[in-house]
Amino acid sequence: MTTDGRDTRWTEHRQARRRELVEDTLRAIRKHGAGVGMDEIAAQAGTSKTVIYRHFGDRSGLYAAVVASVHEFIHSDLQAALELTDASELPALAHDLADAYLALVERDPEIYRFVLSPPTPDVGVDPYGGLPEVIGGHVAQAIDAHLTRQGQDPACATTWGYGLVGFIRAAADAWMATEPRAPRTEVLDHLDAFFTPALATGLAAVPQRQEHR
């Protein structure tokens, strides 16, 4: 079975147009805030709401496309930041992860608020786009590797890894909800003041791994 070249070109055109409309939506959010209306989005895109609905179905469909785009960007940035960190230094890993996440949030606060405000409760889209699971897994692996090198039991690695990421995310959510917002460096200092001694104490308390004979 062959694919008609016209069908392929039309599919590519629709995909390109959807990307353009998502970018226009992001521009409209930056201009008008997280509560941006469909009329404002359509005006930014230089089209009509009917055209937008034709591509996304409804506001929930557009929201889902924006969330996917935003989290693809956040994920790539966080992964890049973590790759530059010495994973064996866990306080540094926690610091760099928190710094990268807070910087992304600070760069586009209205888009962050938009993502965390789905148009309906049952929209069926994870506002966090699975990022806590992906990044939490990365941090858990780093903790596991650190404990294993030290001959300690790595059983706590998953709990700590996902918990650390959830802590940073919750702190960022609270920071974004506060007006006026404290400087990012101050929030980062607060996180460091918690994580650095907590990790030192926690790591020291992890028992040595018992060899099974």
N, C-alpha and C. Protein backbone atom coordinates (compact mmCIF):
# COMPACT_ATOMS: atom_id res chain seq x y z
N MET A 1 0.85 -1.19 0.00
CA MET A 1 0.00 0.00 0.00
C MET A 1 0.88 1.25 0.00
N THR A 2 0.67 2.14 -0.95
CA THR A 2 1.48 3.34 -1.06
C THR A 2 0.73 4.53 -0.47
N THR A 3 1.51 5.52 -0.06
CA THR A 3 0.95 6.74 0.49
C THR A 3 0.96 7.82 -0.58
N ASP A 4 -0.17 8.44 -0.77
CA ASP A 4 -0.27 9.52 -1.73
C ASP A 4 0.62 10.67 -1.28
N GLY A 5 1.47 11.19 -2.18
CA GLY A 5 2.35 12.30 -1.84
C GLY A 5 1.59 13.52 -1.37
N ARG A 6 0.41 13.72 -1.91
CA ARG A 6 -0.40 14.87 -1.49
C ARG A 6 -0.84 14.71 -0.04
N ASP A 7 -1.15 13.46 0.36
CA ASP A 7 -1.53 13.22 1.76
C ASP A 7 -0.37 13.51 2.69
N THR A 8 0.82 13.10 2.30
CA THR A 8 2.00 13.35 3.13
C THR A 8 2.26 14.84 3.27
N ARG A 9 2.17 15.56 2.16
CA ARG A 9 2.40 17.01 2.21
C ARG A 9 1.33 17.68 3.07
N TRP A 10 0.10 17.22 2.98
CA TRP A 10 -0.97 17.82 3.77
C TRP A 10 -0.76 17.56 5.25
N THR A 11 -0.33 16.34 5.58
CA THR A 11 -0.05 16.02 6.98
C THR A 11 1.08 16.89 7.51
N GLU A 12 2.14 17.04 6.73
CA GLU A 12 3.26 17.88 7.14
C GLU A 12 2.83 19.33 7.30
N HIS A 13 1.96 19.78 6.42
CA HIS A 13 1.46 21.16 6.50
C HIS A 13 0.65 21.35 7.79
N ARG A 14 -0.21 20.40 8.10
CA ARG A 14 -1.02 20.51 9.31
C ARG A 14 -0.14 20.50 10.56
N GLN A 15 0.88 19.65 10.57
CA GLN A 15 1.78 19.60 11.71
C GLN A 15 2.54 20.91 11.88
N ALA A 16 2.99 21.48 10.76
CA ALA A 16 3.70 22.75 10.81
C ALA A 16 2.77 23.86 11.28
N ARG A 17 1.53 23.83 10.81
CA ARG A 17 0.57 24.86 11.22
C ARG A 17 0.24 24.74 12.70
N ARG A 18 0.13 23.52 13.21
CA ARG A 18 -0.12 23.32 14.64
C ARG A 18 1.04 23.89 15.47
N ARG A 19 2.26 23.64 15.02
CA ARG A 19 3.42 24.19 15.74
C ARG A 19 3.39 25.71 15.75
N GLU A 20 3.03 26.30 14.61
CA GLU A 20 2.94 27.76 14.53
C GLU A 20 1.88 28.29 15.50
N LEU A 21 0.74 27.62 15.56
CA LEU A 21 -0.34 28.07 16.44
C LEU A 21 0.04 27.92 17.90
N VAL A 22 0.79 26.88 18.23
CA VAL A 22 1.27 26.73 19.60
C VAL A 22 2.22 27.87 19.95
N GLU A 23 3.13 28.20 19.03
CA GLU A 23 4.05 29.32 19.27
C GLU A 23 3.30 30.63 19.43
N ASP A 24 2.27 30.84 18.62
CA ASP A 24 1.45 32.05 18.75
C ASP A 24 0.72 32.07 20.09
N THR A 25 0.29 30.91 20.54
CA THR A 25 -0.37 30.82 21.84
C THR A 25 0.59 31.19 22.96
N LEU A 26 1.81 30.72 22.88
CA LEU A 26 2.82 31.05 23.88
C LEU A 26 3.08 32.56 23.90
N ARG A 27 3.13 33.17 22.73
CA ARG A 27 3.33 34.62 22.66
C ARG A 27 2.15 35.36 23.29
N ALA A 28 0.95 34.87 23.02
CA ALA A 28 -0.25 35.50 23.59
C ALA A 28 -0.27 35.37 25.11
N ILE A 29 0.17 34.22 25.63
CA ILE A 29 0.22 34.02 27.09
C ILE A 29 1.21 35.00 27.71
N ARG A 30 2.37 35.15 27.08
CA ARG A 30 3.38 36.09 27.60
C ARG A 30 2.83 37.52 27.60
N LYS A 31 2.04 37.84 26.59
CA LYS A 31 1.52 39.20 26.45
C LYS A 31 0.34 39.47 27.38
N HIS A 32 -0.59 38.50 27.48
CA HIS A 32 -1.84 38.74 28.19
C HIS A 32 -1.93 38.00 29.53
N GLY A 33 -1.00 37.13 29.83
CA GLY A 33 -1.04 36.41 31.09
C GLY A 33 -1.67 35.03 30.95
N ALA A 34 -1.62 34.27 32.05
CA ALA A 34 -2.10 32.89 32.05
C ALA A 34 -3.60 32.78 31.76
N GLY A 35 -4.35 33.83 32.03
CA GLY A 35 -5.79 33.82 31.78
C GLY A 35 -6.17 34.25 30.38
N VAL A 36 -5.24 34.18 29.46
CA VAL A 36 -5.48 34.62 28.08
C VAL A 36 -6.73 33.95 27.50
N GLY A 37 -7.49 34.72 26.70
CA GLY A 37 -8.70 34.19 26.07
C GLY A 37 -8.44 33.72 24.65
N MET A 38 -9.36 32.94 24.13
CA MET A 38 -9.21 32.43 22.77
C MET A 38 -9.22 33.55 21.75
N ASP A 39 -9.97 34.61 21.99
CA ASP A 39 -9.97 35.75 21.07
C ASP A 39 -8.59 36.38 20.98
N GLU A 40 -7.93 36.49 22.13
CA GLU A 40 -6.59 37.08 22.15
C GLU A 40 -5.57 36.16 21.47
N ILE A 41 -5.74 34.88 21.65
CA ILE A 41 -4.85 33.93 20.98
C ILE A 41 -5.06 33.99 19.47
N ALA A 42 -6.30 34.03 19.04
CA ALA A 42 -6.60 34.10 17.60
C ALA A 42 -6.04 35.39 17.00
N ALA A 43 -6.17 36.50 17.74
CA ALA A 43 -5.64 37.77 17.24
C ALA A 43 -4.12 37.70 17.11
N GLN A 44 -3.46 37.09 18.08
CA GLN A 44 -2.00 36.95 18.01
C GLN A 44 -1.59 36.10 16.80
N ALA A 45 -2.39 35.08 16.51
CA ALA A 45 -2.09 34.19 15.39
C ALA A 45 -2.54 34.76 14.05
N GLY A 46 -3.30 35.85 14.09
CA GLY A 46 -3.78 36.43 12.85
C GLY A 46 -4.78 35.55 12.13
N THR A 47 -5.60 34.84 12.94
CA THR A 47 -6.58 33.94 12.36
C THR A 47 -7.85 33.99 13.19
N SER A 48 -8.72 33.01 13.02
CA SER A 48 -9.98 32.98 13.76
C SER A 48 -9.98 31.82 14.75
N LYS A 49 -10.86 31.89 15.73
CA LYS A 49 -11.00 30.78 16.68
C LYS A 49 -11.41 29.51 15.94
N THR A 50 -12.20 29.66 14.90
CA THR A 50 -12.65 28.49 14.14
C THR A 50 -11.47 27.71 13.58
N VAL A 51 -10.47 28.43 13.06
CA VAL A 51 -9.29 27.77 12.51
C VAL A 51 -8.53 27.05 13.62
N ILE A 52 -8.40 27.69 14.78
CA ILE A 52 -7.69 27.07 15.91
C ILE A 52 -8.42 25.80 16.34
N TYR A 53 -9.74 25.87 16.45
CA TYR A 53 -10.51 24.69 16.86
C TYR A 53 -10.43 23.58 15.81
N ARG A 54 -10.26 23.97 14.56
CA ARG A 54 -10.14 22.97 13.50
C ARG A 54 -8.87 22.14 13.70
N HIS A 55 -7.83 22.77 14.21
CA HIS A 55 -6.56 22.07 14.41
C HIS A 55 -6.47 21.36 15.75
N PHE A 56 -7.16 21.87 16.78
CA PHE A 56 -6.99 21.33 18.13
C PHE A 56 -8.28 20.79 18.75
N GLY A 57 -9.39 20.98 18.09
CA GLY A 57 -10.66 20.47 18.61
C GLY A 57 -11.36 21.45 19.53
N ASP A 58 -10.69 21.86 20.61
CA ASP A 58 -11.25 22.82 21.55
C ASP A 58 -10.10 23.40 22.37
N ARG A 59 -10.44 24.21 23.39
CA ARG A 59 -9.40 24.83 24.21
C ARG A 59 -8.56 23.77 24.93
N SER A 60 -9.20 22.67 25.33
CA SER A 60 -8.46 21.61 26.01
C SER A 60 -7.42 21.00 25.09
N GLY A 61 -7.76 20.85 23.80
CA GLY A 61 -6.81 20.31 22.85
C GLY A 61 -5.62 21.24 22.65
N LEU A 62 -5.89 22.54 22.60
CA LEU A 62 -4.82 23.52 22.48
C LEU A 62 -3.96 23.51 23.74
N TYR A 63 -4.59 23.43 24.89
CA TYR A 63 -3.87 23.36 26.17
C TYR A 63 -2.92 22.16 26.17
N ALA A 64 -3.41 21.01 25.74
CA ALA A 64 -2.59 19.80 25.71
C ALA A 64 -1.37 19.99 24.81
N ALA A 65 -1.55 20.65 23.68
CA ALA A 65 -0.44 20.87 22.75
C ALA A 65 0.58 21.84 23.35
N VAL A 66 0.10 22.85 24.06
CA VAL A 66 1.01 23.81 24.71
C VAL A 66 1.80 23.11 25.81
N VAL A 67 1.13 22.29 26.62
CA VAL A 67 1.81 21.56 27.69
C VAL A 67 2.91 20.66 27.11
N ALA A 68 2.61 19.95 26.03
CA ALA A 68 3.60 19.07 25.41
C ALA A 68 4.81 19.85 24.93
N SER A 69 4.58 21.02 24.34
CA SER A 69 5.66 21.84 23.83
C SER A 69 6.52 22.39 24.97
N VAL A 70 5.86 22.88 26.01
CA VAL A 70 6.58 23.47 27.15
C VAL A 70 7.43 22.42 27.84
N HIS A 71 6.87 21.24 28.05
CA HIS A 71 7.61 20.23 28.79
C HIS A 71 8.72 19.58 27.97
N GLU A 72 8.59 19.58 26.67
CA GLU A 72 9.70 19.12 25.84
C GLU A 72 10.90 20.06 26.03
N PHE A 73 10.61 21.36 26.10
CA PHE A 73 11.66 22.35 26.30
C PHE A 73 12.27 22.23 27.69
N ILE A 74 11.41 22.13 28.73
CA ILE A 74 11.90 22.03 30.10
C ILE A 74 12.74 20.77 30.29
N HIS A 75 12.24 19.67 29.74
CA HIS A 75 12.94 18.40 29.90
C HIS A 75 14.34 18.47 29.29
N SER A 76 14.46 19.03 28.10
CA SER A 76 15.77 19.10 27.44
C SER A 76 16.71 20.00 28.23
N ASP A 77 16.20 21.11 28.80
CA ASP A 77 17.03 22.02 29.56
C ASP A 77 17.50 21.39 30.87
N LEU A 78 16.60 20.70 31.56
CA LEU A 78 16.98 20.06 32.82
C LEU A 78 17.98 18.94 32.59
N GLN A 79 17.77 18.16 31.55
CA GLN A 79 18.71 17.09 31.23
C GLN A 79 20.08 17.66 30.92
N ALA A 80 20.11 18.77 30.18
CA ALA A 80 21.39 19.41 29.85
C ALA A 80 22.09 19.89 31.12
N ALA A 81 21.32 20.47 32.05
CA ALA A 81 21.90 20.95 33.30
C ALA A 81 22.45 19.80 34.13
N LEU A 82 21.71 18.71 34.19
CA LEU A 82 22.15 17.56 35.00
C LEU A 82 23.38 16.88 34.40
N GLU A 83 23.49 16.91 33.08
CA GLU A 83 24.65 16.29 32.44
C GLU A 83 25.94 17.03 32.75
N LEU A 84 25.82 18.31 33.12
CA LEU A 84 27.00 19.11 33.45
C LEU A 84 27.38 18.99 34.92
N THR A 85 26.57 18.26 35.69
CA THR A 85 26.79 18.13 37.12
C THR A 85 27.50 16.82 37.45
N ASP A 86 28.41 16.89 38.42
CA ASP A 86 29.05 15.67 38.92
C ASP A 86 28.04 14.95 39.80
N ALA A 87 27.46 13.88 39.27
CA ALA A 87 26.38 13.19 39.97
C ALA A 87 26.85 12.56 41.28
N SER A 88 28.16 12.41 41.46
CA SER A 88 28.66 11.83 42.70
C SER A 88 28.57 12.81 43.86
N GLU A 89 28.47 14.10 43.54
CA GLU A 89 28.33 15.14 44.57
C GLU A 89 26.85 15.46 44.71
N LEU A 90 26.18 14.77 45.60
CA LEU A 90 24.72 14.88 45.68
C LEU A 90 24.23 16.28 46.08
N PRO A 91 24.87 16.98 47.02
CA PRO A 91 24.42 18.35 47.30
C PRO A 91 24.52 19.25 46.06
N ALA A 92 25.58 19.06 45.26
CA ALA A 92 25.72 19.85 44.03
C ALA A 92 24.64 19.47 43.02
N LEU A 93 24.31 18.19 42.97
CA LEU A 93 23.25 17.73 42.07
C LEU A 93 21.92 18.36 42.46
N ALA A 94 21.60 18.38 43.75
CA ALA A 94 20.36 18.99 44.22
C ALA A 94 20.35 20.49 43.93
N HIS A 95 21.48 21.14 44.15
CA HIS A 95 21.59 22.58 43.89
C HIS A 95 21.37 22.89 42.41
N ASP A 96 22.06 22.15 41.54
CA ASP A 96 21.98 22.44 40.10
C ASP A 96 20.59 22.14 39.55
N LEU A 97 19.96 21.09 40.05
CA LEU A 97 18.60 20.77 39.61
C LEU A 97 17.64 21.87 40.03
N ALA A 98 17.74 22.31 41.30
CA ALA A 98 16.86 23.37 41.79
C ALA A 98 17.10 24.67 41.04
N ASP A 99 18.36 24.99 40.81
CA ASP A 99 18.70 26.23 40.11
C ASP A 99 18.15 26.22 38.69
N ALA A 100 18.32 25.09 37.99
CA ALA A 100 17.84 24.99 36.61
C ALA A 100 16.32 25.09 36.54
N TYR A 101 15.63 24.41 37.45
CA TYR A 101 14.16 24.42 37.43
C TYR A 101 13.62 25.80 37.76
N LEU A 102 14.17 26.43 38.80
CA LEU A 102 13.71 27.77 39.18
C LEU A 102 14.00 28.79 38.07
N ALA A 103 15.13 28.64 37.40
CA ALA A 103 15.46 29.55 36.30
C ALA A 103 14.46 29.42 35.16
N LEU A 104 14.06 28.19 34.83
CA LEU A 104 13.07 27.99 33.78
C LEU A 104 11.73 28.58 34.16
N VAL A 105 11.33 28.39 35.40
CA VAL A 105 10.06 28.93 35.88
C VAL A 105 10.09 30.45 35.84
N GLU A 106 11.20 31.03 36.30
CA GLU A 106 11.32 32.49 36.36
C GLU A 106 11.33 33.11 34.97
N ARG A 107 11.88 32.38 34.00
CA ARG A 107 11.98 32.92 32.64
C ARG A 107 10.61 33.14 32.03
N ASP A 108 9.64 32.27 32.32
CA ASP A 108 8.31 32.36 31.72
C ASP A 108 7.24 32.09 32.78
N PRO A 109 7.08 32.99 33.74
CA PRO A 109 6.14 32.72 34.84
C PRO A 109 4.69 32.56 34.38
N GLU A 110 4.26 33.35 33.40
CA GLU A 110 2.87 33.26 32.96
C GLU A 110 2.60 31.94 32.24
N ILE A 111 3.58 31.47 31.48
CA ILE A 111 3.40 30.18 30.81
C ILE A 111 3.37 29.07 31.85
N TYR A 112 4.18 29.16 32.89
CA TYR A 112 4.17 28.17 33.96
C TYR A 112 2.80 28.14 34.62
N ARG A 113 2.24 29.33 34.90
CA ARG A 113 0.91 29.39 35.52
C ARG A 113 -0.15 28.83 34.57
N PHE A 114 -0.01 29.12 33.28
CA PHE A 114 -0.96 28.60 32.31
C PHE A 114 -0.96 27.08 32.32
N VAL A 115 0.23 26.49 32.32
CA VAL A 115 0.36 25.03 32.30
C VAL A 115 -0.27 24.42 33.55
N LEU A 116 -0.15 25.09 34.69
CA LEU A 116 -0.70 24.56 35.93
C LEU A 116 -2.18 24.89 36.13
N SER A 117 -2.80 25.50 35.11
CA SER A 117 -4.22 25.87 35.21
C SER A 117 -5.00 25.28 34.04
N PRO A 118 -5.26 23.96 34.04
CA PRO A 118 -5.99 23.35 32.93
C PRO A 118 -7.39 23.95 32.79
N PRO A 119 -7.91 24.00 31.56
CA PRO A 119 -9.21 24.65 31.33
C PRO A 119 -10.37 23.94 32.02
N THR A 120 -10.26 22.62 32.22
CA THR A 120 -11.28 21.86 32.94
C THR A 120 -10.58 20.83 33.81
N PRO A 121 -11.19 20.46 34.94
CA PRO A 121 -10.54 19.49 35.83
C PRO A 121 -10.31 18.14 35.19
N ASP A 122 -11.17 17.78 34.23
CA ASP A 122 -11.08 16.45 33.61
C ASP A 122 -10.42 16.48 32.24
N VAL A 123 -9.51 17.44 32.04
CA VAL A 123 -8.90 17.59 30.72
C VAL A 123 -8.04 16.37 30.35
N GLY A 124 -7.60 15.61 31.35
CA GLY A 124 -6.85 14.40 31.06
C GLY A 124 -5.40 14.64 30.66
N VAL A 125 -4.86 15.77 31.03
CA VAL A 125 -3.47 16.10 30.71
C VAL A 125 -2.71 16.35 32.00
N ASP A 126 -1.56 15.72 32.13
CA ASP A 126 -0.71 15.94 33.30
C ASP A 126 0.00 17.27 33.15
N PRO A 127 -0.30 18.26 34.02
CA PRO A 127 0.35 19.58 33.87
C PRO A 127 1.87 19.50 33.96
N TYR A 128 2.38 18.49 34.64
CA TYR A 128 3.83 18.36 34.79
C TYR A 128 4.45 17.49 33.70
N GLY A 129 3.62 16.96 32.81
CA GLY A 129 4.13 16.24 31.65
C GLY A 129 5.03 15.06 31.95
N GLY A 130 4.86 14.44 33.12
CA GLY A 130 5.69 13.31 33.47
C GLY A 130 7.12 13.67 33.87
N LEU A 131 7.41 14.97 33.97
CA LEU A 131 8.77 15.39 34.29
C LEU A 131 9.26 14.90 35.66
N PRO A 132 8.41 14.95 36.70
CA PRO A 132 8.90 14.44 38.00
C PRO A 132 9.36 12.99 37.92
N GLU A 133 8.67 12.18 37.11
CA GLU A 133 9.06 10.78 36.99
C GLU A 133 10.40 10.64 36.25
N VAL A 134 10.55 11.40 35.16
CA VAL A 134 11.77 11.30 34.37
C VAL A 134 12.97 11.83 35.16
N ILE A 135 12.85 13.04 35.69
CA ILE A 135 13.97 13.64 36.42
C ILE A 135 14.17 12.93 37.75
N GLY A 136 13.08 12.51 38.40
CA GLY A 136 13.19 11.76 39.64
C GLY A 136 13.96 10.48 39.44
N GLY A 137 13.73 9.81 38.33
CA GLY A 137 14.47 8.59 38.02
C GLY A 137 15.95 8.86 37.84
N HIS A 138 16.27 9.98 37.20
CA HIS A 138 17.67 10.34 36.99
C HIS A 138 18.37 10.57 38.33
N VAL A 139 17.71 11.33 39.22
CA VAL A 139 18.30 11.63 40.53
C VAL A 139 18.40 10.36 41.36
N ALA A 140 17.39 9.50 41.29
CA ALA A 140 17.42 8.24 42.04
C ALA A 140 18.60 7.38 41.60
N GLN A 141 18.88 7.35 40.31
CA GLN A 141 20.02 6.58 39.81
C GLN A 141 21.33 7.14 40.34
N ALA A 142 21.43 8.48 40.41
CA ALA A 142 22.65 9.10 40.94
C ALA A 142 22.85 8.76 42.41
N ILE A 143 21.77 8.79 43.18
CA ILE A 143 21.86 8.44 44.60
C ILE A 143 22.21 6.97 44.77
N ASP A 144 21.58 6.12 43.99
CA ASP A 144 21.86 4.68 44.03
C ASP A 144 23.34 4.43 43.75
N ALA A 145 23.87 5.09 42.69
CA ALA A 145 25.27 4.89 42.32
C ALA A 145 26.21 5.37 43.42
N HIS A 146 25.86 6.50 44.04
CA HIS A 146 26.70 7.04 45.11
C HIS A 146 26.74 6.07 46.30
N LEU A 147 25.59 5.59 46.72
CA LEU A 147 25.53 4.68 47.86
C LEU A 147 26.24 3.36 47.55
N THR A 148 26.06 2.87 46.34
CA THR A 148 26.71 1.62 45.95
C THR A 148 28.22 1.76 45.99
N ARG A 149 28.73 2.89 45.51
CA ARG A 149 30.19 3.11 45.54
C ARG A 149 30.72 3.12 46.98
N GLN A 150 29.87 3.61 47.90
CA GLN A 150 30.29 3.70 49.29
C GLN A 150 30.04 2.39 50.05
N GLY A 151 29.53 1.39 49.35
CA GLY A 151 29.24 0.13 49.99
C GLY A 151 28.01 0.17 50.88
N GLN A 152 27.15 1.18 50.65
CA GLN A 152 25.95 1.34 51.47
C GLN A 152 24.73 0.77 50.75
N ASP A 153 23.69 0.53 51.53
CA ASP A 153 22.45 -0.03 51.00
C ASP A 153 21.71 1.04 50.19
N PRO A 154 21.49 0.84 48.89
CA PRO A 154 20.83 1.86 48.07
C PRO A 154 19.30 1.79 48.08
N ALA A 155 18.72 1.07 49.03
CA ALA A 155 17.27 0.87 49.03
C ALA A 155 16.49 2.19 49.09
N CYS A 156 17.08 3.22 49.70
CA CYS A 156 16.38 4.50 49.86
C CYS A 156 16.46 5.38 48.62
N ALA A 157 17.24 4.98 47.61
CA ALA A 157 17.54 5.87 46.48
C ALA A 157 16.28 6.33 45.74
N THR A 158 15.36 5.42 45.48
CA THR A 158 14.15 5.80 44.74
C THR A 158 13.31 6.79 45.54
N THR A 159 13.12 6.52 46.82
CA THR A 159 12.34 7.43 47.67
C THR A 159 12.98 8.81 47.72
N TRP A 160 14.27 8.85 47.92
CA TRP A 160 14.98 10.13 48.01
C TRP A 160 14.97 10.87 46.67
N GLY A 161 15.22 10.14 45.59
CA GLY A 161 15.30 10.79 44.28
C GLY A 161 14.00 11.45 43.87
N TYR A 162 12.91 10.70 43.97
CA TYR A 162 11.62 11.27 43.58
C TYR A 162 11.17 12.32 44.59
N GLY A 163 11.48 12.09 45.87
CA GLY A 163 11.10 13.05 46.89
C GLY A 163 11.81 14.38 46.71
N LEU A 164 13.08 14.34 46.35
CA LEU A 164 13.84 15.57 46.15
C LEU A 164 13.26 16.38 45.00
N VAL A 165 12.94 15.70 43.90
CA VAL A 165 12.35 16.41 42.76
C VAL A 165 10.99 16.98 43.11
N GLY A 166 10.17 16.21 43.84
CA GLY A 166 8.86 16.71 44.26
C GLY A 166 8.98 17.91 45.18
N PHE A 167 9.97 17.91 46.04
CA PHE A 167 10.21 19.04 46.95
C PHE A 167 10.52 20.31 46.16
N ILE A 168 11.41 20.19 45.18
CA ILE A 168 11.78 21.34 44.36
C ILE A 168 10.57 21.85 43.57
N ARG A 169 9.82 20.93 43.00
CA ARG A 169 8.64 21.33 42.23
C ARG A 169 7.63 22.06 43.10
N ALA A 170 7.36 21.54 44.29
CA ALA A 170 6.41 22.18 45.19
C ALA A 170 6.90 23.56 45.62
N ALA A 171 8.21 23.68 45.87
CA ALA A 171 8.77 24.98 46.24
C ALA A 171 8.61 25.98 45.10
N ALA A 172 8.82 25.51 43.86
CA ALA A 172 8.66 26.39 42.71
C ALA A 172 7.21 26.82 42.55
N ASP A 173 6.27 25.90 42.75
CA ASP A 173 4.84 26.24 42.65
C ASP A 173 4.49 27.32 43.66
N ALA A 174 4.95 27.15 44.92
CA ALA A 174 4.65 28.13 45.96
C ALA A 174 5.29 29.48 45.64
N TRP A 175 6.49 29.44 45.10
CA TRP A 175 7.20 30.67 44.72
C TRP A 175 6.44 31.43 43.65
N MET A 176 5.93 30.70 42.65
CA MET A 176 5.18 31.35 41.58
C MET A 176 3.85 31.91 42.05
N ALA A 177 3.31 31.34 43.12
CA ALA A 177 2.01 31.79 43.62
C ALA A 177 2.12 32.98 44.56
N THR A 178 3.34 33.40 44.85
CA THR A 178 3.57 34.48 45.81
C THR A 178 3.86 35.79 45.08
N GLU A 179 3.18 36.84 45.53
CA GLU A 179 3.45 38.18 45.00
C GLU A 179 3.62 39.15 46.16
N PRO A 180 4.68 39.95 46.18
CA PRO A 180 5.79 39.92 45.22
C PRO A 180 6.67 38.70 45.47
N ARG A 181 7.29 38.20 44.42
CA ARG A 181 8.13 37.02 44.55
C ARG A 181 9.50 37.38 45.12
N ALA A 182 10.01 36.51 45.97
CA ALA A 182 11.37 36.66 46.47
C ALA A 182 12.34 36.43 45.32
N PRO A 183 13.54 36.99 45.39
CA PRO A 183 14.55 36.71 44.35
C PRO A 183 14.83 35.21 44.26
N ARG A 184 15.12 34.76 43.05
CA ARG A 184 15.41 33.34 42.86
C ARG A 184 16.58 32.88 43.71
N THR A 185 17.60 33.72 43.85
CA THR A 185 18.77 33.34 44.64
C THR A 185 18.39 33.07 46.09
N GLU A 186 17.41 33.80 46.59
CA GLU A 186 16.97 33.59 47.98
C GLU A 186 16.28 32.24 48.13
N VAL A 187 15.42 31.91 47.18
CA VAL A 187 14.75 30.60 47.22
C VAL A 187 15.78 29.49 47.11
N LEU A 188 16.75 29.67 46.23
CA LEU A 188 17.79 28.66 46.05
C LEU A 188 18.61 28.49 47.34
N ASP A 189 18.89 29.60 48.01
CA ASP A 189 19.61 29.54 49.28
C ASP A 189 18.82 28.73 50.31
N HIS A 190 17.50 28.94 50.34
CA HIS A 190 16.64 28.20 51.27
C HIS A 190 16.70 26.70 50.98
N LEU A 191 16.65 26.35 49.69
CA LEU A 191 16.71 24.94 49.32
C LEU A 191 18.07 24.34 49.68
N ASP A 192 19.14 25.08 49.41
CA ASP A 192 20.48 24.59 49.76
C ASP A 192 20.61 24.38 51.27
N ALA A 193 20.05 25.33 52.03
CA ALA A 193 20.15 25.25 53.49
C ALA A 193 19.44 24.02 54.03
N PHE A 194 18.45 23.53 53.28
CA PHE A 194 17.75 22.31 53.68
C PHE A 194 18.45 21.06 53.16
N PHE A 195 18.73 21.04 51.86
CA PHE A 195 19.23 19.82 51.24
C PHE A 195 20.66 19.46 51.67
N THR A 196 21.53 20.45 51.79
CA THR A 196 22.94 20.13 52.08
C THR A 196 23.10 19.40 53.40
N PRO A 197 22.57 19.93 54.53
CA PRO A 197 22.71 19.17 55.78
C PRO A 197 21.84 17.92 55.80
N ALA A 198 20.67 17.97 55.15
CA ALA A 198 19.79 16.80 55.15
C ALA A 198 20.46 15.63 54.43
N LEU A 199 21.09 15.91 53.30
CA LEU A 199 21.77 14.85 52.57
C LEU A 199 22.98 14.32 53.34
N ALA A 200 23.72 15.24 53.96
CA ALA A 200 24.89 14.81 54.74
C ALA A 200 24.48 13.89 55.88
N THR A 201 23.44 14.30 56.61
CA THR A 201 22.96 13.49 57.74
C THR A 201 22.35 12.18 57.25
N GLY A 202 21.54 12.27 56.21
CA GLY A 202 20.89 11.08 55.69
C GLY A 202 21.87 10.06 55.15
N LEU A 203 22.86 10.54 54.38
CA LEU A 203 23.85 9.63 53.81
C LEU A 203 24.67 8.94 54.90
N ALA A 204 25.00 9.70 55.94
CA ALA A 204 25.79 9.13 57.03
C ALA A 204 25.02 8.04 57.77
N ALA A 205 23.67 8.14 57.74
CA ALA A 205 22.85 7.19 58.49
C ALA A 205 22.50 5.94 57.69
N VAL A 206 22.80 5.94 56.39
CA VAL A 206 22.47 4.76 55.58
C VAL A 206 23.39 3.61 55.97
N PRO A 207 22.83 2.44 56.28
CA PRO A 207 23.67 1.31 56.70
C PRO A 207 24.49 0.74 55.56
N GLN A 208 25.53 0.04 55.93
CA GLN A 208 26.34 -0.66 54.95
C GLN A 208 25.52 -1.79 54.34
N ARG A 209 25.80 -2.06 53.09
CA ARG A 209 25.07 -3.11 52.39
C ARG A 209 25.49 -4.48 52.91
N GLN A 210 24.51 -5.29 53.18
CA GLN A 210 24.79 -6.63 53.68
C GLN A 210 24.95 -7.59 52.50
N GLU A 211 26.05 -8.29 52.49
CA GLU A 211 26.28 -9.26 51.41
C GLU A 211 25.50 -10.54 51.72
N HIS A 212 24.78 -11.02 50.71
CA HIS A 212 24.04 -12.26 50.88
C HIS A 212 24.92 -13.45 50.52
N ARG A 213 25.04 -14.37 51.44
CA ARG A 213 25.89 -15.53 51.20
C ARG A 213 25.02 -16.75 50.89
